[in-house]
Amino acid sequence: MIEIRWHGRGGQGAITAAKIVANAAFASGYKGAVMTPTFGTERRGAAVFTSLKISRDKIYDLSPISTPDMIIVLDHTLLDEVDVAAGLKENGLVVLNGGKPVEEYDFKGRKVAVCDVTHHAVTAGLPPGIVNSGIIGAFCRATGLVELDVLLEAIKKEFSGKRPELNAKAAQIAYDNTAIGGI
C-alpha cells in the first residue's frame, strides 16, 4: 500500500487533486484507492490536509495517514507554518509547488520533486491560485505510479464544464517542468 498525504490551503483543491489521483489509480488497475479527507476548522486559506491510499489489493483501513510514503504540498508557504514532513518515511518523497531550485529544499535526505505549479498554471491559462491540476502533473512525473495520459483523462473528466483542457494543459506543463533531487 502506498500512503500519500496532501497538504494545501482551503480552496486550493487538495481534496479534489487526491480524488483525481484516486480515480486514475483505480482506472490503472489499482484495486484499492481510498481518500480520507480531514475536516475540522478548515476555511479558505487555512492549512488543510487529506490522505490517499492506493494499493494493488483492496484497502480496508480508512484511517488518516500518520507515516506517509509521499507528501504532496500545494503551497510552499506552508513550509513555514506546518511540519508537512511529519511522519514521512525515511525513503519518502516530497512533491512541492515551489519557485526555488530543487537543491534549495532540504527534507533531511528524502527525495524531493519541485515545480513552480503556480506559474505554470497561469501559463496554461488558468486563473492565479489554481494549482491542483498542476500538482497532479508534478506528482505523476515524480512518482510514475500512474501514466500521464490516464491522469490527464481523469482531470478532464473531473473538470468537465470547468475548463478541462486548460486544467489538463496545466498538468502537462507541470509534468514537463518538474525537477527531482534530494537523497
N, C-alpha and C. Protein backbone atom coordinates (compact mmCIF):
# COMPACT_ATOMS: atom_id res chain seq x y z
N MET A 1 0.85 -1.18 0.00
CA MET A 1 0.00 0.00 0.00
C MET A 1 0.89 1.24 0.00
N ILE A 2 0.52 2.23 -0.78
CA ILE A 2 1.23 3.49 -0.87
C ILE A 2 0.37 4.55 -0.20
N GLU A 3 0.96 5.22 0.79
CA GLU A 3 0.22 6.23 1.55
C GLU A 3 0.73 7.62 1.17
N ILE A 4 -0.20 8.47 0.77
CA ILE A 4 0.13 9.81 0.28
C ILE A 4 -0.67 10.84 1.07
N ARG A 5 0.03 11.80 1.65
CA ARG A 5 -0.66 12.88 2.38
C ARG A 5 -0.52 14.16 1.57
N TRP A 6 -1.63 14.83 1.36
CA TRP A 6 -1.71 16.06 0.56
C TRP A 6 -1.90 17.25 1.50
N HIS A 7 -1.05 18.26 1.36
CA HIS A 7 -1.15 19.48 2.16
C HIS A 7 -1.44 20.66 1.24
N GLY A 8 -2.38 21.48 1.64
CA GLY A 8 -2.70 22.68 0.88
C GLY A 8 -3.38 23.69 1.78
N ARG A 9 -4.00 24.63 1.14
CA ARG A 9 -4.80 25.63 1.85
C ARG A 9 -6.24 25.45 1.40
N GLY A 10 -7.16 25.74 2.30
CA GLY A 10 -8.57 25.65 1.95
C GLY A 10 -8.86 26.43 0.68
N GLY A 11 -9.48 25.80 -0.27
CA GLY A 11 -9.81 26.45 -1.54
C GLY A 11 -8.83 26.14 -2.66
N GLN A 12 -7.69 25.51 -2.35
CA GLN A 12 -6.71 25.20 -3.40
C GLN A 12 -7.01 23.90 -4.13
N GLY A 13 -7.84 23.07 -3.56
CA GLY A 13 -8.23 21.84 -4.25
C GLY A 13 -7.40 20.62 -3.92
N ALA A 14 -6.83 20.55 -2.72
CA ALA A 14 -6.06 19.37 -2.33
C ALA A 14 -6.94 18.13 -2.34
N ILE A 15 -8.16 18.25 -1.86
CA ILE A 15 -9.07 17.11 -1.82
C ILE A 15 -9.44 16.70 -3.24
N THR A 16 -9.70 17.65 -4.10
CA THR A 16 -10.02 17.34 -5.50
C THR A 16 -8.84 16.68 -6.19
N ALA A 17 -7.64 17.17 -5.95
CA ALA A 17 -6.44 16.57 -6.56
C ALA A 17 -6.28 15.12 -6.12
N ALA A 18 -6.44 14.86 -4.83
CA ALA A 18 -6.33 13.49 -4.32
C ALA A 18 -7.42 12.61 -4.93
N LYS A 19 -8.61 13.14 -5.09
CA LYS A 19 -9.72 12.39 -5.69
C LYS A 19 -9.40 12.03 -7.14
N ILE A 20 -8.84 12.96 -7.88
CA ILE A 20 -8.48 12.70 -9.28
C ILE A 20 -7.43 11.60 -9.36
N VAL A 21 -6.42 11.67 -8.50
CA VAL A 21 -5.37 10.64 -8.50
C VAL A 21 -5.97 9.30 -8.10
N ALA A 22 -6.88 9.29 -7.13
CA ALA A 22 -7.53 8.03 -6.73
C ALA A 22 -8.29 7.42 -7.91
N ASN A 23 -9.04 8.23 -8.63
CA ASN A 23 -9.79 7.75 -9.79
C ASN A 23 -8.85 7.22 -10.88
N ALA A 24 -7.77 7.93 -11.12
CA ALA A 24 -6.80 7.50 -12.13
C ALA A 24 -6.10 6.21 -11.70
N ALA A 25 -5.80 6.08 -10.42
CA ALA A 25 -5.17 4.87 -9.92
C ALA A 25 -6.12 3.68 -10.10
N PHE A 26 -7.37 3.88 -9.78
CA PHE A 26 -8.37 2.82 -9.95
C PHE A 26 -8.47 2.42 -11.42
N ALA A 27 -8.50 3.41 -12.31
CA ALA A 27 -8.56 3.15 -13.75
C ALA A 27 -7.30 2.45 -14.26
N SER A 28 -6.21 2.58 -13.52
CA SER A 28 -4.93 1.97 -13.89
C SER A 28 -4.73 0.58 -13.31
N GLY A 29 -5.74 0.06 -12.65
CA GLY A 29 -5.64 -1.30 -12.16
C GLY A 29 -5.39 -1.45 -10.67
N TYR A 30 -5.24 -0.34 -9.97
CA TYR A 30 -5.14 -0.43 -8.52
C TYR A 30 -6.53 -0.83 -8.00
N LYS A 31 -6.60 -1.87 -7.21
CA LYS A 31 -7.89 -2.34 -6.70
C LYS A 31 -8.33 -1.57 -5.47
N GLY A 32 -7.36 -0.93 -4.82
CA GLY A 32 -7.65 -0.13 -3.65
C GLY A 32 -7.24 1.31 -3.88
N ALA A 33 -8.17 2.20 -3.70
CA ALA A 33 -7.90 3.64 -3.78
C ALA A 33 -8.85 4.30 -2.79
N VAL A 34 -8.31 4.74 -1.65
CA VAL A 34 -9.13 5.29 -0.59
C VAL A 34 -8.64 6.69 -0.25
N MET A 35 -9.54 7.64 -0.37
CA MET A 35 -9.22 9.00 0.00
C MET A 35 -9.99 9.32 1.28
N THR A 36 -9.26 9.85 2.26
CA THR A 36 -9.88 10.19 3.54
C THR A 36 -9.64 11.67 3.81
N PRO A 37 -10.59 12.53 3.44
CA PRO A 37 -10.41 13.95 3.73
C PRO A 37 -10.50 14.20 5.24
N THR A 38 -9.77 15.19 5.68
CA THR A 38 -9.79 15.55 7.09
C THR A 38 -10.48 16.90 7.21
N PHE A 39 -11.57 16.91 7.92
CA PHE A 39 -12.32 18.15 8.10
C PHE A 39 -12.23 18.59 9.55
N GLY A 40 -12.35 19.85 9.77
CA GLY A 40 -12.30 20.41 11.11
C GLY A 40 -12.60 21.89 10.98
N THR A 41 -11.63 22.71 11.33
CA THR A 41 -11.83 24.16 11.27
C THR A 41 -11.36 24.74 9.94
N GLU A 42 -11.35 23.91 8.88
CA GLU A 42 -10.87 24.38 7.59
C GLU A 42 -11.69 25.56 7.10
N ARG A 43 -11.00 26.48 6.51
CA ARG A 43 -11.64 27.61 5.85
C ARG A 43 -10.72 28.06 4.74
N ARG A 44 -11.22 28.84 3.84
CA ARG A 44 -10.41 29.29 2.71
C ARG A 44 -9.12 29.91 3.23
N GLY A 45 -8.00 29.40 2.74
CA GLY A 45 -6.69 29.93 3.11
C GLY A 45 -6.04 29.23 4.29
N ALA A 46 -6.80 28.49 5.09
CA ALA A 46 -6.23 27.78 6.24
C ALA A 46 -5.52 26.51 5.77
N ALA A 47 -4.54 26.08 6.53
CA ALA A 47 -3.82 24.85 6.21
C ALA A 47 -4.77 23.65 6.34
N VAL A 48 -4.79 22.80 5.32
CA VAL A 48 -5.63 21.61 5.32
C VAL A 48 -4.80 20.42 4.82
N PHE A 49 -5.28 19.21 5.09
CA PHE A 49 -4.63 18.04 4.52
C PHE A 49 -5.66 16.94 4.29
N THR A 50 -5.30 16.03 3.41
CA THR A 50 -6.13 14.87 3.13
C THR A 50 -5.21 13.67 2.91
N SER A 51 -5.75 12.50 3.12
CA SER A 51 -4.99 11.27 2.98
C SER A 51 -5.49 10.48 1.77
N LEU A 52 -4.54 9.87 1.05
CA LEU A 52 -4.88 9.00 -0.07
C LEU A 52 -4.03 7.74 0.04
N LYS A 53 -4.69 6.61 -0.02
CA LYS A 53 -4.00 5.31 -0.01
C LYS A 53 -4.34 4.61 -1.31
N ILE A 54 -3.31 4.07 -1.96
CA ILE A 54 -3.56 3.27 -3.16
C ILE A 54 -2.82 1.96 -3.03
N SER A 55 -3.42 0.92 -3.59
CA SER A 55 -2.84 -0.42 -3.46
C SER A 55 -3.32 -1.29 -4.61
N ARG A 56 -2.52 -2.27 -4.95
CA ARG A 56 -2.93 -3.27 -5.96
C ARG A 56 -3.98 -4.22 -5.38
N ASP A 57 -4.14 -4.19 -4.06
CA ASP A 57 -5.13 -5.01 -3.37
C ASP A 57 -6.18 -4.10 -2.75
N LYS A 58 -7.30 -4.68 -2.32
CA LYS A 58 -8.33 -3.90 -1.64
C LYS A 58 -7.78 -3.31 -0.35
N ILE A 59 -8.29 -2.16 0.03
CA ILE A 59 -7.87 -1.47 1.25
C ILE A 59 -9.05 -1.44 2.21
N TYR A 60 -8.78 -1.84 3.44
CA TYR A 60 -9.83 -1.85 4.45
C TYR A 60 -9.58 -0.80 5.54
N ASP A 61 -8.37 -0.28 5.61
CA ASP A 61 -8.01 0.72 6.62
C ASP A 61 -8.37 2.11 6.10
N LEU A 62 -9.32 2.76 6.71
CA LEU A 62 -9.77 4.08 6.27
C LEU A 62 -9.25 5.21 7.16
N SER A 63 -8.32 4.90 8.05
CA SER A 63 -7.80 5.92 8.98
C SER A 63 -6.89 6.91 8.26
N PRO A 64 -6.76 8.11 8.82
CA PRO A 64 -5.81 9.08 8.26
C PRO A 64 -4.38 8.52 8.32
N ILE A 65 -3.53 9.06 7.50
CA ILE A 65 -2.15 8.59 7.39
C ILE A 65 -1.28 9.30 8.42
N SER A 66 -0.47 8.52 9.15
CA SER A 66 0.48 9.13 10.09
C SER A 66 1.92 8.96 9.63
N THR A 67 2.21 7.93 8.83
CA THR A 67 3.57 7.72 8.32
C THR A 67 3.50 7.54 6.80
N PRO A 68 3.35 8.66 6.09
CA PRO A 68 3.18 8.57 4.63
C PRO A 68 4.46 8.18 3.91
N ASP A 69 4.25 7.60 2.72
CA ASP A 69 5.35 7.33 1.80
C ASP A 69 5.68 8.59 1.00
N MET A 70 4.67 9.42 0.80
CA MET A 70 4.80 10.64 0.00
C MET A 70 4.00 11.77 0.62
N ILE A 71 4.52 12.96 0.41
CA ILE A 71 3.84 14.19 0.83
C ILE A 71 3.70 15.07 -0.42
N ILE A 72 2.52 15.58 -0.67
CA ILE A 72 2.29 16.50 -1.77
C ILE A 72 1.92 17.84 -1.16
N VAL A 73 2.64 18.90 -1.53
CA VAL A 73 2.44 20.22 -0.94
C VAL A 73 2.03 21.20 -2.04
N LEU A 74 0.79 21.70 -1.95
CA LEU A 74 0.25 22.59 -2.97
C LEU A 74 0.69 24.04 -2.79
N ASP A 75 1.25 24.38 -1.64
CA ASP A 75 1.62 25.77 -1.36
C ASP A 75 2.90 25.79 -0.52
N HIS A 76 3.99 26.25 -1.10
CA HIS A 76 5.29 26.25 -0.41
C HIS A 76 5.29 27.09 0.86
N THR A 77 4.39 28.05 1.00
CA THR A 77 4.38 28.86 2.22
C THR A 77 3.96 28.05 3.44
N LEU A 78 3.36 26.89 3.21
CA LEU A 78 3.01 26.01 4.33
C LEU A 78 4.26 25.50 5.05
N LEU A 79 5.39 25.48 4.37
CA LEU A 79 6.63 25.00 4.99
C LEU A 79 7.00 25.83 6.21
N ASP A 80 6.57 27.09 6.25
CA ASP A 80 6.86 27.97 7.39
C ASP A 80 5.82 27.83 8.51
N GLU A 81 4.70 27.15 8.23
CA GLU A 81 3.61 27.08 9.19
C GLU A 81 3.34 25.68 9.74
N VAL A 82 3.60 24.68 8.94
CA VAL A 82 3.22 23.31 9.27
C VAL A 82 4.42 22.40 9.03
N ASP A 83 4.61 21.42 9.88
CA ASP A 83 5.64 20.42 9.63
C ASP A 83 5.06 19.39 8.66
N VAL A 84 5.06 19.76 7.37
CA VAL A 84 4.42 18.91 6.37
C VAL A 84 5.08 17.54 6.27
N ALA A 85 6.35 17.45 6.61
CA ALA A 85 7.07 16.18 6.51
C ALA A 85 6.96 15.32 7.76
N ALA A 86 6.14 15.73 8.72
CA ALA A 86 5.99 14.95 9.96
C ALA A 86 5.57 13.52 9.62
N GLY A 87 6.32 12.57 10.13
CA GLY A 87 6.00 11.17 9.93
C GLY A 87 6.43 10.59 8.60
N LEU A 88 6.96 11.41 7.69
CA LEU A 88 7.36 10.92 6.37
C LEU A 88 8.41 9.83 6.51
N LYS A 89 8.18 8.72 5.85
CA LYS A 89 9.12 7.61 5.93
C LYS A 89 10.51 8.02 5.46
N GLU A 90 11.52 7.34 5.98
CA GLU A 90 12.91 7.69 5.70
C GLU A 90 13.23 7.74 4.20
N ASN A 91 12.66 6.86 3.43
CA ASN A 91 12.91 6.86 1.98
C ASN A 91 11.77 7.54 1.22
N GLY A 92 11.07 8.44 1.89
CA GLY A 92 9.90 9.09 1.34
C GLY A 92 10.19 10.14 0.29
N LEU A 93 9.12 10.67 -0.27
CA LEU A 93 9.17 11.66 -1.34
C LEU A 93 8.32 12.86 -0.97
N VAL A 94 8.83 14.06 -1.26
CA VAL A 94 8.06 15.29 -1.13
C VAL A 94 7.91 15.89 -2.51
N VAL A 95 6.66 16.14 -2.93
CA VAL A 95 6.37 16.83 -4.19
C VAL A 95 5.86 18.21 -3.79
N LEU A 96 6.54 19.24 -4.27
CA LEU A 96 6.31 20.59 -3.77
C LEU A 96 6.04 21.59 -4.88
N ASN A 97 5.01 22.40 -4.70
CA ASN A 97 4.77 23.56 -5.55
C ASN A 97 5.64 24.68 -4.98
N GLY A 98 6.78 24.91 -5.61
CA GLY A 98 7.70 25.94 -5.12
C GLY A 98 8.45 26.59 -6.27
N GLY A 99 8.93 27.78 -6.02
CA GLY A 99 9.60 28.53 -7.07
C GLY A 99 11.12 28.48 -7.02
N LYS A 100 11.69 27.87 -6.00
CA LYS A 100 13.15 27.79 -5.89
C LYS A 100 13.66 26.53 -6.57
N PRO A 101 14.95 26.50 -6.89
CA PRO A 101 15.53 25.27 -7.43
C PRO A 101 15.44 24.14 -6.40
N VAL A 102 15.33 22.92 -6.88
CA VAL A 102 15.15 21.75 -6.03
C VAL A 102 16.25 21.63 -4.97
N GLU A 103 17.46 22.06 -5.28
CA GLU A 103 18.59 21.97 -4.34
C GLU A 103 18.39 22.83 -3.10
N GLU A 104 17.52 23.81 -3.17
CA GLU A 104 17.32 24.72 -2.03
C GLU A 104 16.32 24.19 -1.00
N TYR A 105 15.74 23.04 -1.28
CA TYR A 105 14.80 22.45 -0.33
C TYR A 105 15.46 21.24 0.32
N ASP A 106 15.45 21.21 1.66
CA ASP A 106 16.08 20.12 2.39
C ASP A 106 15.05 19.41 3.25
N PHE A 107 14.79 18.19 2.90
CA PHE A 107 13.88 17.35 3.69
C PHE A 107 14.65 16.17 4.27
N LYS A 108 15.82 16.47 4.79
CA LYS A 108 16.65 15.50 5.52
C LYS A 108 16.91 14.21 4.74
N GLY A 109 17.45 14.37 3.55
CA GLY A 109 17.86 13.22 2.76
C GLY A 109 16.76 12.51 1.99
N ARG A 110 15.57 13.05 2.02
CA ARG A 110 14.48 12.42 1.27
C ARG A 110 14.44 12.96 -0.15
N LYS A 111 13.86 12.20 -1.04
CA LYS A 111 13.70 12.61 -2.43
C LYS A 111 12.73 13.80 -2.48
N VAL A 112 13.05 14.78 -3.33
CA VAL A 112 12.24 15.99 -3.44
C VAL A 112 11.98 16.26 -4.93
N ALA A 113 10.75 16.57 -5.25
CA ALA A 113 10.38 16.99 -6.61
C ALA A 113 9.74 18.37 -6.49
N VAL A 114 10.25 19.31 -7.27
CA VAL A 114 9.78 20.69 -7.18
C VAL A 114 9.35 21.19 -8.55
N CYS A 115 8.23 21.90 -8.55
CA CYS A 115 7.73 22.54 -9.76
C CYS A 115 7.03 23.83 -9.36
N ASP A 116 7.24 24.88 -10.13
CA ASP A 116 6.52 26.13 -9.88
C ASP A 116 5.14 26.01 -10.51
N VAL A 117 4.30 25.22 -9.87
CA VAL A 117 2.97 24.92 -10.37
C VAL A 117 2.14 26.19 -10.51
N THR A 118 2.29 27.11 -9.59
CA THR A 118 1.53 28.37 -9.63
C THR A 118 1.80 29.10 -10.94
N HIS A 119 3.05 29.22 -11.30
CA HIS A 119 3.45 29.90 -12.56
C HIS A 119 2.93 29.13 -13.78
N HIS A 120 3.14 27.82 -13.78
CA HIS A 120 2.77 27.02 -14.95
C HIS A 120 1.26 26.95 -15.15
N ALA A 121 0.49 27.00 -14.09
CA ALA A 121 -0.97 27.01 -14.22
C ALA A 121 -1.44 28.28 -14.93
N VAL A 122 -0.83 29.41 -14.58
CA VAL A 122 -1.16 30.67 -15.25
C VAL A 122 -0.74 30.61 -16.72
N THR A 123 0.43 30.03 -16.98
CA THR A 123 0.89 29.86 -18.35
C THR A 123 -0.10 29.03 -19.16
N ALA A 124 -0.72 28.05 -18.51
CA ALA A 124 -1.71 27.19 -19.18
C ALA A 124 -3.03 27.93 -19.43
N GLY A 125 -3.23 29.08 -18.78
CA GLY A 125 -4.45 29.84 -18.98
C GLY A 125 -5.41 29.82 -17.82
N LEU A 126 -5.00 29.20 -16.70
CA LEU A 126 -5.87 29.17 -15.52
C LEU A 126 -5.69 30.44 -14.69
N PRO A 127 -6.69 30.81 -13.91
CA PRO A 127 -6.55 31.98 -13.04
C PRO A 127 -5.47 31.74 -11.98
N PRO A 128 -4.84 32.81 -11.50
CA PRO A 128 -3.82 32.65 -10.45
C PRO A 128 -4.40 31.91 -9.24
N GLY A 129 -3.61 31.01 -8.67
CA GLY A 129 -4.02 30.30 -7.48
C GLY A 129 -4.65 28.94 -7.72
N ILE A 130 -4.93 28.60 -8.97
CA ILE A 130 -5.50 27.28 -9.29
C ILE A 130 -4.31 26.33 -9.51
N VAL A 131 -4.03 25.52 -8.50
CA VAL A 131 -2.80 24.71 -8.55
C VAL A 131 -3.04 23.20 -8.47
N ASN A 132 -4.26 22.78 -8.25
CA ASN A 132 -4.47 21.34 -8.04
C ASN A 132 -4.20 20.50 -9.29
N SER A 133 -4.55 20.98 -10.47
CA SER A 133 -4.27 20.21 -11.68
C SER A 133 -2.77 20.13 -11.94
N GLY A 134 -2.09 21.24 -11.76
CA GLY A 134 -0.65 21.25 -11.98
C GLY A 134 0.11 20.34 -11.03
N ILE A 135 -0.29 20.32 -9.76
CA ILE A 135 0.43 19.48 -8.80
C ILE A 135 0.25 18.00 -9.15
N ILE A 136 -0.86 17.66 -9.80
CA ILE A 136 -1.06 16.29 -10.26
C ILE A 136 -0.02 15.93 -11.32
N GLY A 137 0.27 16.86 -12.20
CA GLY A 137 1.31 16.62 -13.20
C GLY A 137 2.67 16.42 -12.57
N ALA A 138 3.00 17.25 -11.57
CA ALA A 138 4.27 17.11 -10.85
C ALA A 138 4.31 15.78 -10.11
N PHE A 139 3.21 15.39 -9.49
CA PHE A 139 3.10 14.11 -8.80
C PHE A 139 3.39 12.96 -9.79
N CYS A 140 2.78 13.02 -10.94
CA CYS A 140 2.96 11.98 -11.95
C CYS A 140 4.42 11.85 -12.36
N ARG A 141 5.06 12.97 -12.62
CA ARG A 141 6.47 12.96 -13.04
C ARG A 141 7.36 12.38 -11.95
N ALA A 142 7.09 12.75 -10.70
CA ALA A 142 7.95 12.33 -9.58
C ALA A 142 7.74 10.88 -9.18
N THR A 143 6.53 10.35 -9.38
CA THR A 143 6.24 9.01 -8.85
C THR A 143 6.17 7.92 -9.91
N GLY A 144 5.63 8.24 -11.07
CA GLY A 144 5.44 7.22 -12.09
C GLY A 144 4.39 6.18 -11.71
N LEU A 145 3.59 6.44 -10.69
CA LEU A 145 2.59 5.46 -10.24
C LEU A 145 1.44 5.29 -11.22
N VAL A 146 1.11 6.35 -11.91
CA VAL A 146 0.01 6.34 -12.87
C VAL A 146 0.51 7.04 -14.13
N GLU A 147 0.15 6.51 -15.28
CA GLU A 147 0.56 7.11 -16.55
C GLU A 147 -0.06 8.50 -16.71
N LEU A 148 0.69 9.40 -17.33
CA LEU A 148 0.23 10.77 -17.50
C LEU A 148 -1.07 10.83 -18.30
N ASP A 149 -1.19 10.06 -19.37
CA ASP A 149 -2.41 10.14 -20.17
C ASP A 149 -3.66 9.74 -19.38
N VAL A 150 -3.51 8.80 -18.45
CA VAL A 150 -4.63 8.39 -17.59
C VAL A 150 -5.00 9.54 -16.65
N LEU A 151 -3.99 10.18 -16.08
CA LEU A 151 -4.26 11.33 -15.20
C LEU A 151 -4.89 12.49 -15.97
N LEU A 152 -4.42 12.75 -17.17
CA LEU A 152 -4.99 13.84 -17.97
C LEU A 152 -6.47 13.57 -18.27
N GLU A 153 -6.80 12.33 -18.56
CA GLU A 153 -8.21 11.98 -18.80
C GLU A 153 -9.04 12.15 -17.53
N ALA A 154 -8.47 11.75 -16.39
CA ALA A 154 -9.18 11.90 -15.11
C ALA A 154 -9.40 13.39 -14.79
N ILE A 155 -8.42 14.22 -15.12
CA ILE A 155 -8.55 15.66 -14.91
C ILE A 155 -9.67 16.22 -15.80
N LYS A 156 -9.66 15.84 -17.07
CA LYS A 156 -10.69 16.32 -17.99
C LYS A 156 -12.09 15.90 -17.52
N LYS A 157 -12.20 14.67 -17.03
CA LYS A 157 -13.49 14.18 -16.56
C LYS A 157 -13.95 14.97 -15.32
N GLU A 158 -13.03 15.17 -14.36
CA GLU A 158 -13.37 15.89 -13.13
C GLU A 158 -13.79 17.34 -13.42
N PHE A 159 -13.10 17.96 -14.37
CA PHE A 159 -13.36 19.37 -14.65
C PHE A 159 -14.24 19.59 -15.88
N SER A 160 -14.99 18.56 -16.26
CA SER A 160 -15.91 18.70 -17.38
C SER A 160 -16.82 19.91 -17.14
N GLY A 161 -16.82 20.83 -18.09
CA GLY A 161 -17.60 22.05 -17.94
C GLY A 161 -16.87 23.15 -17.19
N LYS A 162 -15.67 22.87 -16.70
CA LYS A 162 -14.90 23.87 -15.93
C LYS A 162 -13.47 23.93 -16.48
N ARG A 163 -13.33 24.26 -17.72
CA ARG A 163 -12.02 24.39 -18.39
C ARG A 163 -11.19 23.10 -18.34
N PRO A 164 -11.74 21.99 -18.76
CA PRO A 164 -11.00 20.72 -18.67
C PRO A 164 -9.69 20.74 -19.45
N GLU A 165 -9.68 21.35 -20.63
CA GLU A 165 -8.46 21.37 -21.45
C GLU A 165 -7.37 22.21 -20.80
N LEU A 166 -7.74 23.33 -20.18
CA LEU A 166 -6.74 24.17 -19.52
C LEU A 166 -6.17 23.49 -18.29
N ASN A 167 -7.03 22.77 -17.55
CA ASN A 167 -6.55 22.03 -16.39
C ASN A 167 -5.60 20.92 -16.81
N ALA A 168 -5.93 20.22 -17.88
CA ALA A 168 -5.05 19.16 -18.39
C ALA A 168 -3.73 19.77 -18.89
N LYS A 169 -3.82 20.91 -19.53
CA LYS A 169 -2.61 21.59 -20.02
C LYS A 169 -1.71 22.00 -18.84
N ALA A 170 -2.30 22.47 -17.76
CA ALA A 170 -1.52 22.84 -16.57
C ALA A 170 -0.78 21.63 -16.03
N ALA A 171 -1.45 20.48 -16.00
CA ALA A 171 -0.81 19.25 -15.52
C ALA A 171 0.33 18.84 -16.44
N GLN A 172 0.12 18.95 -17.74
CA GLN A 172 1.16 18.58 -18.72
C GLN A 172 2.38 19.49 -18.58
N ILE A 173 2.16 20.79 -18.47
CA ILE A 173 3.28 21.74 -18.34
C ILE A 173 4.03 21.47 -17.04
N ALA A 174 3.31 21.24 -15.95
CA ALA A 174 3.96 20.94 -14.68
C ALA A 174 4.77 19.64 -14.77
N TYR A 175 4.19 18.64 -15.40
CA TYR A 175 4.89 17.36 -15.61
C TYR A 175 6.23 17.61 -16.32
N ASP A 176 6.18 18.41 -17.38
CA ASP A 176 7.37 18.68 -18.20
C ASP A 176 8.41 19.52 -17.46
N ASN A 177 8.01 20.22 -16.40
CA ASN A 177 8.91 21.16 -15.72
C ASN A 177 9.19 20.80 -14.27
N THR A 178 9.02 19.56 -13.90
CA THR A 178 9.28 19.14 -12.52
C THR A 178 10.74 18.69 -12.39
N ALA A 179 11.43 19.27 -11.43
CA ALA A 179 12.82 18.90 -11.15
C ALA A 179 12.84 17.95 -9.96
N ILE A 180 13.67 16.92 -10.05
CA ILE A 180 13.74 15.92 -8.98
C ILE A 180 15.15 15.88 -8.42
N GLY A 181 15.23 15.89 -7.08
CA GLY A 181 16.54 15.87 -6.41
C GLY A 181 16.41 15.25 -5.03
N GLY A 182 17.32 15.62 -4.17
CA GLY A 182 17.31 15.08 -2.81
C GLY A 182 18.08 13.77 -2.73
N ILE A 183 18.03 13.18 -1.59
CA ILE A 183 18.71 11.94 -1.21
C ILE A 183 20.17 12.01 -1.51
